[in-house]
Amino acid sequence: MKITEDGEPYGLITNIQKYTIHDGPGIRTEIFFKGCPLRCIWCSNPEGQSYEQQIGIYPSKCIGLSKCSLCINSCPRGTDTPIKTEDDRLLSLQEIPECKNCFRCAEECPSRAIMIWGKKMSVPELMKVILEDRNFYLKTGGGVTLSGGEVMLQWEFAALLLKACRDASIHTCVESSLYCPTEHMEKVYEATDLVITDIKHMDTERHKEYTGVGNELILKNIKRTAELKKPLVIRIPVVPDHNNSEKNIRATGEFIRDVLGNHVIQLQLIPFRKIGTEKYATLNLPYPMGDFSPPERSVWEKNLLRLTEIMKEYNIPAVAGSSQKMC
């Protein structure tokens, strides 16, 4: 767990999203943790992958160097700045070893054309934000959801935050890939009321091809979650030509029925949407599925409903999408 100079534990947070309704019951505040051991090719949150603070660049927000130039003027490297410009506008940051990520350029930028992905936040700081919406949680049965990135990479801090939420009588949910040591997961579960996880593919080699890791540890931890009787929601991100075959869906259904004993509140089949491309651009990264053309809505909706009906053959409470009430 990372500690400030004053001895205060902190987490690295990419975003706090209020009034969410799809990642747990009721109206929720969702906290996005930075850092993830997976590299899913369909990931729409690349800013959550690295467990380090990063600079993100939005050239379209730049008001013009002739009008501003605060980013360049604030750079301690002077004229040897890593800031790359074109046509009087900020374009990107060049990756040079000499840049120490002081983030002065982002701190000075008035239009947020330069931003810092990842903010250091303590439990008291996060609880102040969370408690602002306590009335919404009470009226709707909502609460707090920790997501990512991957929560379990910061498991010690996550456990502290969840305990603070529980002490405040706030419902807690953890959304995780569960690619983590089982003992870390169990420690986080001590103050977790609901778990949301994915099964991206039942074939470990295909899983590794699409995410960078095999699925053995993930399936082991899902099984352990069921053994611990933790309320569980499973999602399948349905990506055409990748994991939407009937064979894979049936293998997933058999795992949930035979290994988990159908210990799921809900199985959600989530449609793939080609989003997050601008975030990749801010980090000067290529979008892994940039050449992929998803089918028309009428096609994928029909397929999603077909796969949902297959899951119901296994007596699994399956739904298309994440908008239906889960508990």
C-alpha atoms as a PDB file:
ATOM      1  CA  MET A   1       0.000   0.000   0.000  1.00  0.00           C
ATOM      2  CA  LYS A   2       1.307   3.417  -0.931  1.00  0.00           C
ATOM      3  CA  ILE A   3       1.763   6.013   1.791  1.00  0.00           C
ATOM      4  CA  THR A   4       2.100   9.798   1.586  1.00  0.00           C
ATOM      5  CA  GLU A   5       5.036  11.612   3.173  1.00  0.00           C
ATOM      6  CA  ASP A   6       2.724  12.251   6.130  1.00  0.00           C
ATOM      7  CA  GLY A   7       2.101   8.525   6.584  1.00  0.00           C
ATOM      8  CA  GLU A   8      -1.441   8.580   5.102  1.00  0.00           C
ATOM      9  CA  PRO A   9      -2.414   5.573   2.939  1.00  0.00           C
ATOM     10  CA  TYR A  10      -3.664   6.584  -0.481  1.00  0.00           C
ATOM     11  CA  GLY A  11      -5.126   5.047  -3.583  1.00  0.00           C
ATOM     12  CA  LEU A  12      -4.522   6.052  -7.174  1.00  0.00           C
ATOM     13  CA  ILE A  13      -7.919   6.978  -8.624  1.00  0.00           C
ATOM     14  CA  THR A  14      -8.694   7.760 -12.273  1.00  0.00           C
ATOM     15  CA  ASN A  15     -12.298   8.882 -11.870  1.00  0.00           C
ATOM     16  CA  ILE A  16     -15.204   9.284  -9.456  1.00  0.00           C
ATOM     17  CA  GLN A  17     -18.557   8.900 -11.147  1.00  0.00           C
ATOM     18  CA  LYS A  18     -21.693   9.876  -9.266  1.00  0.00           C
ATOM     19  CA  TYR A  19     -25.279   8.761  -9.875  1.00  0.00           C
ATOM     20  CA  THR A  20     -24.365   5.493 -11.626  1.00  0.00           C
ATOM     21  CA  ILE A  21     -27.161   2.947 -11.893  1.00  0.00           C
ATOM     22  CA  HIS A  22     -25.679  -0.043 -13.728  1.00  0.00           C
ATOM     23  CA  ASP A  23     -22.888  -1.271 -11.436  1.00  0.00           C
ATOM     24  CA  GLY A  24     -24.858  -2.365  -8.409  1.00  0.00           C
ATOM     25  CA  PRO A  25     -28.336  -1.684  -7.024  1.00  0.00           C
ATOM     26  CA  GLY A  26     -29.775   1.803  -6.669  1.00  0.00           C
ATOM     27  CA  ILE A  27     -27.984   5.082  -7.234  1.00  0.00           C
ATOM     28  CA  ARG A  28     -24.276   4.710  -6.588  1.00  0.00           C
ATOM     29  CA  THR A  29     -20.963   6.497  -6.461  1.00  0.00           C
ATOM     30  CA  GLU A  30     -18.387   4.595  -8.479  1.00  0.00           C
ATOM     31  CA  ILE A  31     -14.676   4.872  -7.715  1.00  0.00           C
ATOM     32  CA  PHE A  32     -12.305   3.851 -10.527  1.00  0.00           C
ATOM     33  CA  PHE A  33      -8.930   2.520  -9.366  1.00  0.00           C
ATOM     34  CA  LYS A  34      -5.840   2.854 -11.556  1.00  0.00           C
ATOM     35  CA  GLY A  35      -3.776  -0.120 -12.650  1.00  0.00           C
ATOM     36  CA  CYS A  36      -4.749  -3.439 -14.236  1.00  0.00           C
ATOM     37  CA  PRO A  37      -2.805  -6.668 -14.912  1.00  0.00           C
ATOM     38  CA  LEU A  38      -4.996  -7.501 -17.933  1.00  0.00           C
ATOM     39  CA  ARG A  39      -4.717  -6.023 -21.396  1.00  0.00           C
ATOM     40  CA  CYS A  40      -8.115  -6.772 -22.892  1.00  0.00           C
ATOM     41  CA  ILE A  41      -8.063  -5.817 -26.561  1.00  0.00           C
ATOM     42  CA  TRP A  42     -11.574  -4.348 -26.231  1.00  0.00           C
ATOM     43  CA  CYS A  43     -10.732  -2.275 -23.143  1.00  0.00           C
ATOM     44  CA  SER A  44     -12.398   1.153 -23.241  1.00  0.00           C
ATOM     45  CA  ASN A  45     -10.483   2.561 -20.260  1.00  0.00           C
ATOM     46  CA  PRO A  46      -6.769   2.511 -21.203  1.00  0.00           C
ATOM     47  CA  GLU A  47      -6.088   5.227 -18.632  1.00  0.00           C
ATOM     48  CA  GLY A  48      -6.787   2.571 -15.991  1.00  0.00           C
ATOM     49  CA  GLN A  49      -4.153   0.100 -17.169  1.00  0.00           C
ATOM     50  CA  SER A  50      -0.873   1.534 -15.859  1.00  0.00           C
ATOM     51  CA  TYR A  51      -0.354   1.706 -12.110  1.00  0.00           C
ATOM     52  CA  GLU A  52       1.406   5.040 -12.448  1.00  0.00           C
ATOM     53  CA  GLN A  53       0.178   8.562 -12.938  1.00  0.00           C
ATOM     54  CA  GLN A  54       0.146   9.553 -16.606  1.00  0.00           C
ATOM     55  CA  ILE A  55      -0.319  12.621 -18.731  1.00  0.00           C
ATOM     56  CA  GLY A  56      -3.292  12.659 -21.101  1.00  0.00           C
ATOM     57  CA  ILE A  57      -3.428  15.092 -24.030  1.00  0.00           C
ATOM     58  CA  TYR A  58      -6.613  16.510 -25.621  1.00  0.00           C
ATOM     59  CA  PRO A  59      -5.384  18.656 -28.553  1.00  0.00           C
ATOM     60  CA  SER A  60      -8.935  19.783 -29.386  1.00  0.00           C
ATOM     61  CA  LYS A  61      -9.163  21.538 -26.000  1.00  0.00           C
ATOM     62  CA  CYS A  62      -5.983  23.563 -26.492  1.00  0.00           C
ATOM     63  CA  ILE A  63      -6.837  27.288 -26.772  1.00  0.00           C
ATOM     64  CA  GLY A  64      -3.710  28.002 -28.798  1.00  0.00           C
ATOM     65  CA  LEU A  65      -0.075  28.470 -27.863  1.00  0.00           C
ATOM     66  CA  SER A  66      -0.050  32.031 -29.106  1.00  0.00           C
ATOM     67  CA  LYS A  67      -2.775  32.808 -26.541  1.00  0.00           C
ATOM     68  CA  CYS A  68      -1.482  30.707 -23.678  1.00  0.00           C
ATOM     69  CA  SER A  69       1.769  28.646 -23.698  1.00  0.00           C
ATOM     70  CA  LEU A  70       1.516  28.088 -19.933  1.00  0.00           C
ATOM     71  CA  CYS A  71       2.351  24.405 -20.443  1.00  0.00           C
ATOM     72  CA  ILE A  72       5.641  25.175 -22.190  1.00  0.00           C
ATOM     73  CA  ASN A  73       6.543  28.078 -19.930  1.00  0.00           C
ATOM     74  CA  SER A  74       6.012  25.930 -16.820  1.00  0.00           C
ATOM     75  CA  CYS A  75       8.183  23.054 -18.033  1.00  0.00           C
ATOM     76  CA  PRO A  76      11.431  22.880 -16.009  1.00  0.00           C
ATOM     77  CA  ARG A  77      13.237  21.695 -19.153  1.00  0.00           C
ATOM     78  CA  GLY A  78      12.685  25.045 -20.827  1.00  0.00           C
ATOM     79  CA  THR A  79      12.992  24.925 -24.606  1.00  0.00           C
ATOM     80  CA  ASP A  80      13.861  21.218 -24.405  1.00  0.00           C
ATOM     81  CA  THR A  81      10.296  20.438 -23.339  1.00  0.00           C
ATOM     82  CA  PRO A  82       8.731  17.088 -24.284  1.00  0.00           C
ATOM     83  CA  ILE A  83       5.603  18.976 -25.354  1.00  0.00           C
ATOM     84  CA  LYS A  84       5.072  18.537 -29.084  1.00  0.00           C
ATOM     85  CA  THR A  85       3.179  21.248 -30.950  1.00  0.00           C
ATOM     86  CA  GLU A  86       1.744  21.747 -34.404  1.00  0.00           C
ATOM     87  CA  ASP A  87      -0.129  24.652 -36.020  1.00  0.00           C
ATOM     88  CA  ASP A  88      -0.050  26.715 -32.808  1.00  0.00           C
ATOM     89  CA  ARG A  89      -1.614  23.893 -30.800  1.00  0.00           C
ATOM     90  CA  LEU A  90      -0.542  21.290 -28.333  1.00  0.00           C
ATOM     91  CA  LEU A  91      -0.306  17.931 -30.106  1.00  0.00           C
ATOM     92  CA  SER A  92       1.189  15.346 -27.752  1.00  0.00           C
ATOM     93  CA  LEU A  93       3.944  14.633 -25.266  1.00  0.00           C
ATOM     94  CA  GLN A  94       7.048  13.013 -26.610  1.00  0.00           C
ATOM     95  CA  GLU A  95       8.315  10.138 -24.539  1.00  0.00           C
ATOM     96  CA  ILE A  96      11.789  11.156 -23.407  1.00  0.00           C
ATOM     97  CA  PRO A  97      13.671   9.627 -20.471  1.00  0.00           C
ATOM     98  CA  GLU A  98      14.582  13.053 -19.130  1.00  0.00           C
ATOM     99  CA  CYS A  99      10.949  13.934 -18.403  1.00  0.00           C
ATOM    100  CA  LYS A 100      10.383  13.284 -14.692  1.00  0.00           C
ATOM    101  CA  ASN A 101       6.578  13.529 -14.823  1.00  0.00           C
ATOM    102  CA  CYS A 102       6.450  16.608 -12.624  1.00  0.00           C
ATOM    103  CA  PHE A 103       2.994  17.321 -14.128  1.00  0.00           C
ATOM    104  CA  ARG A 104       3.507  21.079 -14.018  1.00  0.00           C
ATOM    105  CA  CYS A 105       2.223  21.380 -17.584  1.00  0.00           C
ATOM    106  CA  ALA A 106      -1.078  19.734 -16.576  1.00  0.00           C
ATOM    107  CA  GLU A 107      -1.379  21.778 -13.401  1.00  0.00           C
ATOM    108  CA  GLU A 108      -0.992  25.028 -15.368  1.00  0.00           C
ATOM    109  CA  CYS A 109      -3.254  24.166 -18.310  1.00  0.00           C
ATOM    110  CA  PRO A 110      -6.435  26.315 -17.992  1.00  0.00           C
ATOM    111  CA  SER A 111      -8.504  24.339 -20.537  1.00  0.00           C
ATOM    112  CA  ARG A 112      -7.628  20.819 -19.344  1.00  0.00           C
ATOM    113  CA  ALA A 113      -6.058  20.048 -22.699  1.00  0.00           C
ATOM    114  CA  ILE A 114      -3.383  18.414 -20.533  1.00  0.00           C
ATOM    115  CA  MET A 115      -4.661  16.303 -17.690  1.00  0.00           C
ATOM    116  CA  ILE A 116      -3.253  13.890 -15.157  1.00  0.00           C
ATOM    117  CA  TRP A 117      -4.647  10.367 -15.300  1.00  0.00           C
ATOM    118  CA  GLY A 118      -4.570   9.187 -11.709  1.00  0.00           C
ATOM    119  CA  LYS A 119      -5.127  11.214  -8.561  1.00  0.00           C
ATOM    120  CA  LYS A 120      -3.731  10.293  -5.156  1.00  0.00           C
ATOM    121  CA  MET A 121      -6.625  10.184  -2.709  1.00  0.00           C
ATOM    122  CA  SER A 122      -6.885   9.131   0.932  1.00  0.00           C
ATOM    123  CA  VAL A 123      -9.804   7.331   2.571  1.00  0.00           C
ATOM    124  CA  PRO A 124     -11.041  10.540   4.286  1.00  0.00           C
ATOM    125  CA  GLU A 125     -10.937  12.411   0.962  1.00  0.00           C
ATOM    126  CA  LEU A 126     -12.936   9.714  -0.788  1.00  0.00           C
ATOM    127  CA  MET A 127     -15.397   9.355   2.075  1.00  0.00           C
ATOM    128  CA  LYS A 128     -16.090  13.089   1.930  1.00  0.00           C
ATOM    129  CA  VAL A 129     -17.201  12.672  -1.696  1.00  0.00           C
ATOM    130  CA  ILE A 130     -19.108   9.466  -0.993  1.00  0.00           C
ATOM    131  CA  LEU A 131     -21.044  10.858   1.954  1.00  0.00           C
ATOM    132  CA  GLU A 132     -22.296  13.816  -0.084  1.00  0.00           C
ATOM    133  CA  ASP A 133     -24.869  11.474  -1.644  1.00  0.00           C
ATOM    134  CA  ARG A 134     -25.867   9.413   1.372  1.00  0.00           C
ATOM    135  CA  ASN A 135     -29.540  10.401   0.953  1.00  0.00           C
ATOM    136  CA  PHE A 136     -29.587   8.973  -2.577  1.00  0.00           C
ATOM    137  CA  TYR A 137     -28.201   5.673  -1.284  1.00  0.00           C
ATOM    138  CA  LEU A 138     -30.819   5.499   1.477  1.00  0.00           C
ATOM    139  CA  LYS A 139     -33.749   6.277  -0.840  1.00  0.00           C
ATOM    140  CA  THR A 140     -32.733   3.880  -3.648  1.00  0.00           C
ATOM    141  CA  GLY A 141     -30.860   1.091  -1.893  1.00  0.00           C
ATOM    142  CA  GLY A 142     -27.662   2.299  -3.545  1.00  0.00           C
ATOM    143  CA  GLY A 143     -24.139   2.727  -2.276  1.00  0.00           C
ATOM    144  CA  VAL A 144     -20.531   2.647  -3.434  1.00  0.00           C
ATOM    145  CA  THR A 145     -18.929   0.573  -6.184  1.00  0.00           C
ATOM    146  CA  LEU A 146     -15.168   0.146  -6.501  1.00  0.00           C
ATOM    147  CA  SER A 147     -14.116  -0.511 -10.070  1.00  0.00           C
ATOM    148  CA  GLY A 148     -11.087  -0.020 -12.287  1.00  0.00           C
ATOM    149  CA  GLY A 149      -8.651  -0.700 -13.743  1.00  0.00           C
ATOM    150  CA  GLU A 150      -8.375  -3.453 -11.188  1.00  0.00           C
ATOM    151  CA  VAL A 151      -9.369  -2.863  -7.567  1.00  0.00           C
ATOM    152  CA  MET A 152      -7.390  -5.857  -6.349  1.00  0.00           C
ATOM    153  CA  LEU A 153      -4.062  -4.321  -7.397  1.00  0.00           C
ATOM    154  CA  GLN A 154      -4.675  -1.831  -4.584  1.00  0.00           C
ATOM    155  CA  TRP A 155      -6.333  -4.380  -2.322  1.00  0.00           C
ATOM    156  CA  GLU A 156      -5.044  -3.036   0.998  1.00  0.00           C
ATOM    157  CA  PHE A 157      -6.317   0.467   0.306  1.00  0.00           C
ATOM    158  CA  ALA A 158      -9.566  -0.915  -1.124  1.00  0.00           C
ATOM    159  CA  ALA A 159     -10.126  -2.897   2.079  1.00  0.00           C
ATOM    160  CA  LEU A 160      -9.664   0.265   4.152  1.00  0.00           C
ATOM    161  CA  LEU A 161     -12.118   2.223   2.006  1.00  0.00           C
ATOM    162  CA  LEU A 162     -14.718  -0.545   2.061  1.00  0.00           C
ATOM    163  CA  LYS A 163     -14.470  -0.801   5.839  1.00  0.00           C
ATOM    164  CA  ALA A 164     -15.037   2.959   6.128  1.00  0.00           C
ATOM    165  CA  CYS A 165     -18.126   2.608   3.932  1.00  0.00           C
ATOM    166  CA  ARG A 166     -19.445  -0.265   6.006  1.00  0.00           C
ATOM    167  CA  ASP A 167     -18.844   1.694   9.222  1.00  0.00           C
ATOM    168  CA  ALA A 168     -20.992   4.428   7.651  1.00  0.00           C
ATOM    169  CA  SER A 169     -23.734   1.858   6.823  1.00  0.00           C
ATOM    170  CA  ILE A 170     -23.213   2.271   3.074  1.00  0.00           C
ATOM    171  CA  HIS A 171     -23.781  -0.699   0.732  1.00  0.00           C
ATOM    172  CA  THR A 172     -20.561  -1.771  -0.988  1.00  0.00           C
ATOM    173  CA  CYS A 173     -19.873  -3.430  -4.318  1.00  0.00           C
ATOM    174  CA  VAL A 174     -16.582  -4.489  -5.899  1.00  0.00           C
ATOM    175  CA  GLU A 175     -16.258  -4.889  -9.663  1.00  0.00           C
ATOM    176  CA  SER A 176     -13.138  -6.922 -10.421  1.00  0.00           C
ATOM    177  CA  SER A 177     -11.626  -9.297 -12.962  1.00  0.00           C
ATOM    178  CA  LEU A 178     -10.600 -11.409  -9.921  1.00  0.00           C
ATOM    179  CA  TYR A 179      -7.179 -11.949 -11.459  1.00  0.00           C
ATOM    180  CA  CYS A 180      -5.437 -11.648  -8.111  1.00  0.00           C
ATOM    181  CA  PRO A 181      -4.132 -13.721  -5.205  1.00  0.00           C
ATOM    182  CA  THR A 182      -7.097 -15.393  -3.517  1.00  0.00           C
ATOM    183  CA  GLU A 183      -6.018 -14.180  -0.079  1.00  0.00           C
ATOM    184  CA  HIS A 184      -6.116 -10.566  -1.286  1.00  0.00           C
ATOM    185  CA  MET A 185      -9.586 -11.091  -2.675  1.00  0.00           C
ATOM    186  CA  GLU A 186     -10.839 -12.568   0.585  1.00  0.00           C
ATOM    187  CA  LYS A 187      -9.444  -9.640   2.556  1.00  0.00           C
ATOM    188  CA  VAL A 188     -11.300  -7.190   0.288  1.00  0.00           C
ATOM    189  CA  TYR A 189     -14.469  -9.291   0.630  1.00  0.00           C
ATOM    190  CA  GLU A 190     -14.598  -8.745   4.404  1.00  0.00           C
ATOM    191  CA  ALA A 191     -16.489  -5.481   3.878  1.00  0.00           C
ATOM    192  CA  THR A 192     -17.979  -6.187   0.436  1.00  0.00           C
ATOM    193  CA  ASP A 193     -21.725  -6.703   0.026  1.00  0.00           C
ATOM    194  CA  LEU A 194     -21.819  -7.511  -3.707  1.00  0.00           C
ATOM    195  CA  VAL A 195     -19.292  -8.753  -6.279  1.00  0.00           C
ATOM    196  CA  ILE A 196     -19.418  -8.136 -10.026  1.00  0.00           C
ATOM    197  CA  THR A 197     -16.973  -9.988 -12.275  1.00  0.00           C
ATOM    198  CA  ASP A 198     -16.507 -11.057 -15.896  1.00  0.00           C
ATOM    199  CA  ILE A 199     -16.083 -14.357 -17.638  1.00  0.00           C
ATOM    200  CA  LYS A 200     -14.450 -13.231 -20.858  1.00  0.00           C
ATOM    201  CA  HIS A 201     -13.770 -16.661 -22.370  1.00  0.00           C
ATOM    202  CA  MET A 202     -13.852 -20.248 -21.126  1.00  0.00           C
ATOM    203  CA  ASP A 203     -10.920 -21.348 -23.304  1.00  0.00           C
ATOM    204  CA  THR A 204      -7.768 -20.294 -21.456  1.00  0.00           C
ATOM    205  CA  GLU A 205      -5.684 -19.929 -24.623  1.00  0.00           C
ATOM    206  CA  ARG A 206      -8.265 -17.666 -26.247  1.00  0.00           C
ATOM    207  CA  HIS A 207      -8.560 -15.800 -22.946  1.00  0.00           C
ATOM    208  CA  LYS A 208      -4.807 -15.236 -22.969  1.00  0.00           C
ATOM    209  CA  GLU A 209      -4.913 -14.111 -26.600  1.00  0.00           C
ATOM    210  CA  TYR A 210      -7.568 -11.496 -25.847  1.00  0.00           C
ATOM    211  CA  THR A 211      -6.519 -10.337 -22.356  1.00  0.00           C
ATOM    212  CA  GLY A 212      -2.859 -11.241 -21.938  1.00  0.00           C
ATOM    213  CA  VAL A 213      -3.506 -13.792 -19.166  1.00  0.00           C
ATOM    214  CA  GLY A 214      -5.084 -17.232 -18.849  1.00  0.00           C
ATOM    215  CA  ASN A 215      -8.389 -17.757 -17.049  1.00  0.00           C
ATOM    216  CA  GLU A 216      -7.451 -20.419 -14.478  1.00  0.00           C
ATOM    217  CA  LEU A 217      -6.926 -18.037 -11.555  1.00  0.00           C
ATOM    218  CA  ILE A 218     -10.024 -16.038 -12.458  1.00  0.00           C
ATOM    219  CA  LEU A 219     -12.261 -19.121 -12.547  1.00  0.00           C
ATOM    220  CA  LYS A 220     -10.711 -20.362  -9.302  1.00  0.00           C
ATOM    221  CA  ASN A 221     -11.536 -17.070  -7.589  1.00  0.00           C
ATOM    222  CA  ILE A 222     -15.072 -17.000  -8.979  1.00  0.00           C
ATOM    223  CA  LYS A 223     -15.569 -20.491  -7.565  1.00  0.00           C
ATOM    224  CA  ARG A 224     -14.199 -19.333  -4.213  1.00  0.00           C
ATOM    225  CA  THR A 225     -16.543 -16.337  -4.282  1.00  0.00           C
ATOM    226  CA  ALA A 226     -19.486 -18.710  -4.678  1.00  0.00           C
ATOM    227  CA  GLU A 227     -18.179 -20.936  -1.860  1.00  0.00           C
ATOM    228  CA  LEU A 228     -18.056 -17.879   0.410  1.00  0.00           C
ATOM    229  CA  LYS A 229     -21.730 -17.217  -0.461  1.00  0.00           C
ATOM    230  CA  LYS A 230     -20.927 -13.716  -1.644  1.00  0.00           C
ATOM    231  CA  PRO A 231     -23.759 -12.209  -3.699  1.00  0.00           C
ATOM    232  CA  LEU A 232     -22.415 -12.447  -7.245  1.00  0.00           C
ATOM    233  CA  VAL A 233     -23.190 -10.895 -10.613  1.00  0.00           C
ATOM    234  CA  ILE A 234     -21.335 -12.260 -13.628  1.00  0.00           C
ATOM    235  CA  ARG A 235     -20.942 -10.392 -16.883  1.00  0.00           C
ATOM    236  CA  ILE A 236     -19.924 -11.579 -20.310  1.00  0.00           C
ATOM    237  CA  PRO A 237     -18.661  -8.807 -22.585  1.00  0.00           C
ATOM    238  CA  VAL A 238     -20.032 -10.228 -25.829  1.00  0.00           C
ATOM    239  CA  VAL A 239     -17.522  -9.358 -28.555  1.00  0.00           C
ATOM    240  CA  PRO A 240     -18.486 -10.548 -32.050  1.00  0.00           C
ATOM    241  CA  ASP A 241     -15.981 -12.966 -33.621  1.00  0.00           C
ATOM    242  CA  HIS A 242     -14.159 -13.287 -30.293  1.00  0.00           C
ATOM    243  CA  ASN A 243     -16.296 -14.915 -27.588  1.00  0.00           C
ATOM    244  CA  ASN A 244     -19.867 -14.937 -28.928  1.00  0.00           C
ATOM    245  CA  SER A 245     -19.889 -18.507 -30.230  1.00  0.00           C
ATOM    246  CA  GLU A 246     -22.571 -20.886 -28.971  1.00  0.00           C
ATOM    247  CA  LYS A 247     -19.794 -23.269 -27.876  1.00  0.00           C
ATOM    248  CA  ASN A 248     -18.242 -20.685 -25.565  1.00  0.00           C
ATOM    249  CA  ILE A 249     -21.589 -19.522 -24.202  1.00  0.00           C
ATOM    250  CA  ARG A 250     -22.630 -23.098 -23.394  1.00  0.00           C
ATOM    251  CA  ALA A 251     -19.271 -23.785 -21.741  1.00  0.00           C
ATOM    252  CA  THR A 252     -19.831 -20.696 -19.580  1.00  0.00           C
ATOM    253  CA  GLY A 253     -23.348 -21.859 -18.736  1.00  0.00           C
ATOM    254  CA  GLU A 254     -22.067 -25.287 -17.707  1.00  0.00           C
ATOM    255  CA  PHE A 255     -19.420 -23.702 -15.454  1.00  0.00           C
ATOM    256  CA  ILE A 256     -21.991 -21.510 -13.716  1.00  0.00           C
ATOM    257  CA  ARG A 257     -24.454 -24.390 -13.292  1.00  0.00           C
ATOM    258  CA  ASP A 258     -22.087 -27.260 -12.459  1.00  0.00           C
ATOM    259  CA  VAL A 259     -19.158 -25.556 -10.688  1.00  0.00           C
ATOM    260  CA  LEU A 260     -20.860 -22.552  -9.105  1.00  0.00           C
ATOM    261  CA  GLY A 261     -24.150 -24.295  -8.414  1.00  0.00           C
ATOM    262  CA  ASN A 262     -25.911 -21.382 -10.158  1.00  0.00           C
ATOM    263  CA  HIS A 263     -24.803 -19.117  -7.325  1.00  0.00           C
ATOM    264  CA  VAL A 264     -25.425 -15.927  -9.280  1.00  0.00           C
ATOM    265  CA  ILE A 265     -27.892 -13.117  -8.746  1.00  0.00           C
ATOM    266  CA  GLN A 266     -27.737 -12.328 -12.433  1.00  0.00           C
ATOM    267  CA  LEU A 267     -25.756 -13.094 -15.563  1.00  0.00           C
ATOM    268  CA  GLN A 268     -25.458 -10.071 -17.839  1.00  0.00           C
ATOM    269  CA  LEU A 269     -24.522 -10.359 -21.491  1.00  0.00           C
ATOM    270  CA  ILE A 270     -23.016  -6.960 -22.307  1.00  0.00           C
ATOM    271  CA  PRO A 271     -22.823  -5.800 -25.933  1.00  0.00           C
ATOM    272  CA  PHE A 272     -19.449  -4.672 -27.246  1.00  0.00           C
ATOM    273  CA  ARG A 273     -19.306  -1.004 -28.143  1.00  0.00           C
ATOM    274  CA  LYS A 274     -16.359   0.601 -29.829  1.00  0.00           C
ATOM    275  CA  ILE A 275     -15.723   3.326 -27.276  1.00  0.00           C
ATOM    276  CA  GLY A 276     -12.669   4.760 -25.580  1.00  0.00           C
ATOM    277  CA  THR A 277     -10.807   5.579 -28.795  1.00  0.00           C
ATOM    278  CA  GLU A 278     -10.241   9.188 -27.722  1.00  0.00           C
ATOM    279  CA  LYS A 279      -8.717   8.030 -24.440  1.00  0.00           C
ATOM    280  CA  TYR A 280      -6.185   5.896 -26.339  1.00  0.00           C
ATOM    281  CA  ALA A 281      -5.321   8.968 -28.401  1.00  0.00           C
ATOM    282  CA  THR A 282      -4.723  11.065 -25.254  1.00  0.00           C
ATOM    283  CA  LEU A 283      -2.085   8.529 -24.201  1.00  0.00           C
ATOM    284  CA  ASN A 284      -0.623   8.294 -27.699  1.00  0.00           C
ATOM    285  CA  LEU A 285      -1.589   4.617 -27.837  1.00  0.00           C
ATOM    286  CA  PRO A 286      -3.118   2.659 -30.738  1.00  0.00           C
ATOM    287  CA  TYR A 287      -6.629   1.306 -30.207  1.00  0.00           C
ATOM    288  CA  PRO A 288      -6.208  -2.513 -30.345  1.00  0.00           C
ATOM    289  CA  MET A 289      -9.525  -3.025 -32.152  1.00  0.00           C
ATOM    290  CA  GLY A 290      -9.212  -0.012 -34.402  1.00  0.00           C
ATOM    291  CA  ASP A 291      -9.748  -2.075 -37.546  1.00  0.00           C
ATOM    292  CA  PHE A 292     -12.699  -3.993 -36.137  1.00  0.00           C
ATOM    293  CA  SER A 293     -16.113  -3.096 -37.520  1.00  0.00           C
ATOM    294  CA  PRO A 294     -18.910  -4.144 -35.139  1.00  0.00           C
ATOM    295  CA  PRO A 295     -22.181  -5.352 -36.657  1.00  0.00           C
ATOM    296  CA  GLU A 296     -25.273  -3.182 -36.869  1.00  0.00           C
ATOM    297  CA  ARG A 297     -27.390  -2.823 -33.725  1.00  0.00           C
ATOM    298  CA  SER A 298     -30.205  -4.940 -35.179  1.00  0.00           C
ATOM    299  CA  VAL A 299     -27.734  -7.790 -35.692  1.00  0.00           C
ATOM    300  CA  TRP A 300     -26.005  -7.764 -32.309  1.00  0.00           C
ATOM    301  CA  GLU A 301     -29.265  -7.247 -30.402  1.00  0.00           C
ATOM    302  CA  LYS A 302     -30.741 -10.352 -32.023  1.00  0.00           C
ATOM    303  CA  ASN A 303     -27.602 -12.347 -31.253  1.00  0.00           C
ATOM    304  CA  LEU A 304     -27.540 -11.127 -27.647  1.00  0.00           C
ATOM    305  CA  LEU A 305     -31.113 -12.257 -27.091  1.00  0.00           C
ATOM    306  CA  ARG A 306     -30.294 -15.653 -28.651  1.00  0.00           C
ATOM    307  CA  LEU A 307     -27.354 -16.140 -26.285  1.00  0.00           C
ATOM    308  CA  THR A 308     -29.526 -15.075 -23.353  1.00  0.00           C
ATOM    309  CA  GLU A 309     -32.037 -17.790 -24.178  1.00  0.00           C
ATOM    310  CA  ILE A 310     -29.233 -20.360 -24.304  1.00  0.00           C
ATOM    311  CA  MET A 311     -28.166 -19.370 -20.797  1.00  0.00           C
ATOM    312  CA  LYS A 312     -31.712 -19.783 -19.549  1.00  0.00           C
ATOM    313  CA  GLU A 313     -31.565 -23.432 -20.644  1.00  0.00           C
ATOM    314  CA  TYR A 314     -29.131 -23.850 -17.727  1.00  0.00           C
ATOM    315  CA  ASN A 315     -31.585 -22.159 -15.321  1.00  0.00           C
ATOM    316  CA  ILE A 316     -29.315 -19.142 -15.130  1.00  0.00           C
ATOM    317  CA  PRO A 317     -30.985 -15.733 -14.524  1.00  0.00           C
ATOM    318  CA  ALA A 318     -29.573 -14.224 -17.716  1.00  0.00           C
ATOM    319  CA  VAL A 319     -30.371 -10.785 -19.132  1.00  0.00           C
ATOM    320  CA  ALA A 320     -29.209  -8.796 -22.130  1.00  0.00           C
ATOM    321  CA  GLY A 321     -27.386  -5.661 -20.957  1.00  0.00           C
ATOM    322  CA  SER A 322     -26.896  -4.248 -17.461  1.00  0.00           C
ATOM    323  CA  SER A 323     -29.944  -2.027 -17.088  1.00  0.00           C
ATOM    324  CA  GLN A 324     -32.287  -4.527 -15.452  1.00  0.00           C
ATOM    325  CA  LYS A 325     -32.562  -4.516 -11.677  1.00  0.00           C
ATOM    326  CA  MET A 326     -30.085  -7.032 -10.281  1.00  0.00           C
ATOM    327  CA  CYS A 327     -31.051  -7.248  -6.630  1.00  0.00           C
END
